[in-house]
N, C-alpha and C. Protein backbone atom coordinates (compact mmCIF):
# COMPACT_ATOMS: atom_id res chain seq x y z
N MET A 1 5.31 -4.90 -9.52
CA MET A 1 6.54 -4.78 -8.75
C MET A 1 7.49 -5.86 -9.23
N LYS A 2 8.70 -5.49 -9.57
CA LYS A 2 9.70 -6.44 -10.02
C LYS A 2 10.07 -7.38 -8.88
N LYS A 3 10.45 -8.61 -9.22
CA LYS A 3 10.79 -9.58 -8.20
C LYS A 3 11.95 -9.11 -7.33
N SER A 4 12.87 -8.36 -7.89
CA SER A 4 14.01 -7.90 -7.11
C SER A 4 13.68 -6.67 -6.28
N SER A 5 12.54 -6.05 -6.52
CA SER A 5 12.15 -4.86 -5.78
C SER A 5 11.55 -5.24 -4.44
N LYS A 6 11.76 -4.37 -3.49
CA LYS A 6 11.16 -4.53 -2.17
C LYS A 6 10.16 -3.40 -1.98
N ILE A 7 9.19 -3.61 -1.13
CA ILE A 7 8.20 -2.57 -0.88
C ILE A 7 8.88 -1.31 -0.35
N THR A 8 9.99 -1.48 0.34
CA THR A 8 10.70 -0.31 0.88
C THR A 8 11.37 0.52 -0.21
N ASP A 9 11.39 0.01 -1.44
CA ASP A 9 11.85 0.81 -2.57
C ASP A 9 10.79 1.84 -2.96
N PHE A 10 9.57 1.63 -2.51
CA PHE A 10 8.43 2.45 -2.93
C PHE A 10 7.72 3.17 -1.78
N VAL A 11 7.86 2.63 -0.58
CA VAL A 11 7.17 3.16 0.60
C VAL A 11 8.19 3.38 1.69
N HIS A 12 7.98 4.44 2.45
CA HIS A 12 8.92 4.80 3.51
C HIS A 12 8.15 5.01 4.81
N ARG A 13 8.76 4.63 5.91
CA ARG A 13 8.16 4.84 7.23
C ARG A 13 9.25 5.33 8.16
N ASP A 14 9.05 6.53 8.71
CA ASP A 14 10.04 7.16 9.57
C ASP A 14 9.31 7.94 10.65
N PRO A 15 9.66 7.74 11.92
CA PRO A 15 8.97 8.46 12.99
C PRO A 15 9.07 9.98 12.85
N GLU A 16 10.07 10.46 12.11
CA GLU A 16 10.25 11.90 11.93
C GLU A 16 9.39 12.46 10.79
N ILE A 17 8.79 11.58 9.99
CA ILE A 17 7.95 12.01 8.87
C ILE A 17 6.52 11.57 9.16
N MET A 18 5.67 12.53 9.38
CA MET A 18 4.24 12.29 9.64
C MET A 18 4.03 11.27 10.75
N GLY A 19 4.89 11.33 11.76
CA GLY A 19 4.73 10.47 12.94
C GLY A 19 4.87 8.99 12.67
N GLY A 20 5.55 8.61 11.60
CA GLY A 20 5.76 7.20 11.30
C GLY A 20 4.70 6.59 10.39
N THR A 21 3.78 7.41 9.92
CA THR A 21 2.78 6.92 8.98
C THR A 21 3.48 6.47 7.69
N PRO A 22 3.16 5.30 7.15
CA PRO A 22 3.76 4.89 5.88
C PRO A 22 3.38 5.87 4.77
N VAL A 23 4.38 6.38 4.06
CA VAL A 23 4.17 7.31 2.96
C VAL A 23 4.85 6.78 1.71
N PHE A 24 4.38 7.26 0.56
CA PHE A 24 5.06 6.94 -0.69
C PHE A 24 6.43 7.59 -0.65
N LYS A 25 7.47 6.82 -0.93
CA LYS A 25 8.85 7.29 -0.83
C LYS A 25 9.06 8.57 -1.64
N GLY A 26 9.73 9.54 -1.02
CA GLY A 26 10.01 10.81 -1.66
C GLY A 26 8.86 11.80 -1.59
N THR A 27 7.78 11.42 -0.89
CA THR A 27 6.62 12.30 -0.74
C THR A 27 6.21 12.32 0.73
N ARG A 28 5.21 13.11 1.02
CA ARG A 28 4.56 13.07 2.33
C ARG A 28 3.12 12.56 2.16
N VAL A 29 2.88 11.81 1.11
CA VAL A 29 1.56 11.28 0.81
C VAL A 29 1.40 9.94 1.52
N PRO A 30 0.47 9.86 2.47
CA PRO A 30 0.25 8.59 3.17
C PRO A 30 -0.27 7.50 2.22
N VAL A 31 0.23 6.31 2.40
CA VAL A 31 -0.26 5.16 1.62
C VAL A 31 -1.77 5.00 1.85
N GLN A 32 -2.21 5.30 3.05
CA GLN A 32 -3.64 5.18 3.37
C GLN A 32 -4.50 6.02 2.43
N ALA A 33 -3.96 7.12 1.93
CA ALA A 33 -4.72 7.97 1.02
C ALA A 33 -5.13 7.21 -0.24
N LEU A 34 -4.27 6.33 -0.72
CA LEU A 34 -4.61 5.52 -1.90
C LEU A 34 -5.82 4.64 -1.59
N PHE A 35 -5.78 3.97 -0.45
CA PHE A 35 -6.90 3.08 -0.10
C PHE A 35 -8.18 3.88 0.15
N ASP A 36 -8.05 5.06 0.73
CA ASP A 36 -9.22 5.91 0.94
C ASP A 36 -9.83 6.31 -0.40
N TYR A 37 -9.00 6.65 -1.37
CA TYR A 37 -9.50 7.00 -2.70
C TYR A 37 -10.20 5.81 -3.35
N LEU A 38 -9.65 4.63 -3.19
CA LEU A 38 -10.21 3.46 -3.86
C LEU A 38 -11.59 3.08 -3.32
N LYS A 39 -11.95 3.59 -2.17
CA LYS A 39 -13.28 3.31 -1.62
C LYS A 39 -14.38 3.96 -2.44
N GLY A 40 -14.09 5.12 -3.04
CA GLY A 40 -15.14 5.81 -3.78
C GLY A 40 -14.69 6.48 -5.05
N SER A 41 -13.44 6.29 -5.42
CA SER A 41 -12.91 6.94 -6.61
C SER A 41 -12.05 5.95 -7.38
N THR A 42 -11.24 6.49 -8.25
CA THR A 42 -10.39 5.65 -9.08
C THR A 42 -8.92 6.01 -8.86
N ILE A 43 -8.06 5.14 -9.37
CA ILE A 43 -6.63 5.43 -9.31
C ILE A 43 -6.33 6.69 -10.12
N ALA A 44 -7.02 6.88 -11.22
CA ALA A 44 -6.81 8.08 -12.04
C ALA A 44 -7.10 9.34 -11.23
N GLU A 45 -8.16 9.32 -10.44
CA GLU A 45 -8.49 10.47 -9.60
C GLU A 45 -7.46 10.66 -8.49
N PHE A 46 -6.97 9.55 -7.95
CA PHE A 46 -5.90 9.63 -6.95
C PHE A 46 -4.68 10.32 -7.55
N LYS A 47 -4.32 9.93 -8.77
CA LYS A 47 -3.15 10.50 -9.42
C LYS A 47 -3.31 11.99 -9.70
N ILE A 48 -4.53 12.44 -9.95
CA ILE A 48 -4.77 13.86 -10.13
C ILE A 48 -4.53 14.60 -8.81
N GLY A 49 -5.00 14.02 -7.73
CA GLY A 49 -4.83 14.64 -6.42
C GLY A 49 -3.41 14.56 -5.89
N TYR A 50 -2.69 13.53 -6.29
CA TYR A 50 -1.32 13.30 -5.80
C TYR A 50 -0.40 13.01 -6.99
N PRO A 51 -0.09 14.01 -7.79
CA PRO A 51 0.67 13.77 -9.02
C PRO A 51 2.12 13.32 -8.79
N HIS A 52 2.65 13.48 -7.58
CA HIS A 52 4.05 13.08 -7.32
C HIS A 52 4.18 11.59 -7.03
N VAL A 53 3.06 10.91 -6.83
CA VAL A 53 3.09 9.47 -6.60
C VAL A 53 3.12 8.79 -7.97
N THR A 54 4.08 7.90 -8.17
CA THR A 54 4.26 7.26 -9.48
C THR A 54 3.40 6.02 -9.64
N ASP A 55 3.22 5.63 -10.89
CA ASP A 55 2.50 4.37 -11.17
C ASP A 55 3.22 3.20 -10.52
N ALA A 56 4.55 3.21 -10.56
CA ALA A 56 5.31 2.12 -9.96
C ALA A 56 5.04 2.02 -8.46
N GLN A 57 4.94 3.16 -7.79
CA GLN A 57 4.65 3.16 -6.35
C GLN A 57 3.25 2.62 -6.09
N ILE A 58 2.29 3.08 -6.86
CA ILE A 58 0.91 2.61 -6.69
C ILE A 58 0.84 1.11 -6.93
N ASN A 59 1.42 0.64 -8.02
CA ASN A 59 1.38 -0.79 -8.34
C ASN A 59 2.08 -1.62 -7.28
N ALA A 60 3.19 -1.14 -6.75
CA ALA A 60 3.93 -1.87 -5.73
C ALA A 60 3.08 -2.02 -4.46
N VAL A 61 2.41 -0.95 -4.06
CA VAL A 61 1.58 -1.01 -2.86
C VAL A 61 0.41 -1.96 -3.05
N LEU A 62 -0.24 -1.90 -4.20
CA LEU A 62 -1.38 -2.79 -4.44
C LEU A 62 -0.94 -4.25 -4.52
N GLU A 63 0.17 -4.51 -5.19
CA GLU A 63 0.67 -5.89 -5.29
C GLU A 63 1.10 -6.41 -3.92
N PHE A 64 1.82 -5.59 -3.17
CA PHE A 64 2.25 -5.99 -1.83
C PHE A 64 1.04 -6.28 -0.95
N SER A 65 0.03 -5.44 -1.02
CA SER A 65 -1.17 -5.64 -0.21
C SER A 65 -1.89 -6.92 -0.60
N GLN A 66 -2.01 -7.15 -1.89
CA GLN A 66 -2.67 -8.36 -2.36
C GLN A 66 -1.93 -9.61 -1.90
N LYS A 67 -0.62 -9.65 -2.12
CA LYS A 67 0.16 -10.83 -1.75
C LYS A 67 0.11 -11.08 -0.25
N ASN A 68 0.20 -10.03 0.53
CA ASN A 68 0.21 -10.21 1.97
C ASN A 68 -1.15 -10.57 2.53
N LEU A 69 -2.20 -10.10 1.93
CA LEU A 69 -3.54 -10.49 2.35
C LEU A 69 -3.75 -11.96 2.08
N ILE A 70 -3.40 -12.39 0.88
CA ILE A 70 -3.60 -13.79 0.51
C ILE A 70 -2.72 -14.70 1.35
N LYS A 71 -1.48 -14.29 1.56
CA LYS A 71 -0.52 -15.13 2.29
C LYS A 71 -0.80 -15.15 3.80
N ASN A 72 -1.25 -14.06 4.37
CA ASN A 72 -1.33 -13.96 5.82
C ASN A 72 -2.73 -13.99 6.41
N LEU A 73 -3.76 -14.09 5.57
CA LEU A 73 -5.11 -14.15 6.10
C LEU A 73 -5.31 -15.49 6.81
N PRO A 74 -5.64 -15.44 8.10
CA PRO A 74 -5.78 -16.71 8.82
C PRO A 74 -7.05 -17.46 8.39
N LEU A 75 -6.96 -18.76 8.49
CA LEU A 75 -8.13 -19.59 8.23
C LEU A 75 -9.07 -19.49 9.42
N PRO A 76 -10.36 -19.63 9.18
CA PRO A 76 -11.29 -19.58 10.31
C PRO A 76 -11.08 -20.83 11.19
N ALA A 77 -11.25 -20.64 12.47
CA ALA A 77 -11.12 -21.77 13.40
C ALA A 77 -12.47 -22.43 13.58
N TYR A 78 -12.49 -23.74 13.41
CA TYR A 78 -13.72 -24.49 13.60
C TYR A 78 -13.52 -25.42 14.78
N GLU A 79 -14.51 -25.48 15.61
CA GLU A 79 -14.41 -26.31 16.82
C GLU A 79 -14.26 -27.79 16.48
N ASN A 80 -14.88 -28.22 15.41
CA ASN A 80 -14.88 -29.64 15.05
C ASN A 80 -13.84 -29.95 13.99
N ALA A 81 -12.88 -29.07 13.79
CA ALA A 81 -11.87 -29.31 12.75
C ALA A 81 -10.98 -30.48 13.16
N ALA A 82 -10.62 -31.29 12.19
CA ALA A 82 -9.78 -32.45 12.47
C ALA A 82 -8.34 -32.08 12.62
């Protein structure tokens, strides 16, 4: 994902489209479908099943997910922490 790009350039969320489920922009393909595929398949297989989703969209979602997991994952709370 380019530094000037925003995730909203690649993913869309609208209550009128699939009840507000995040979808790849310009499609009705839920972003969750990518993660479901990655549990037991490959990105190549995902692309066969959803040919309208672009590499740029897939890469943007994976990069956004990675950055946000690393940035927002809370530290464990320890009772004896200083």
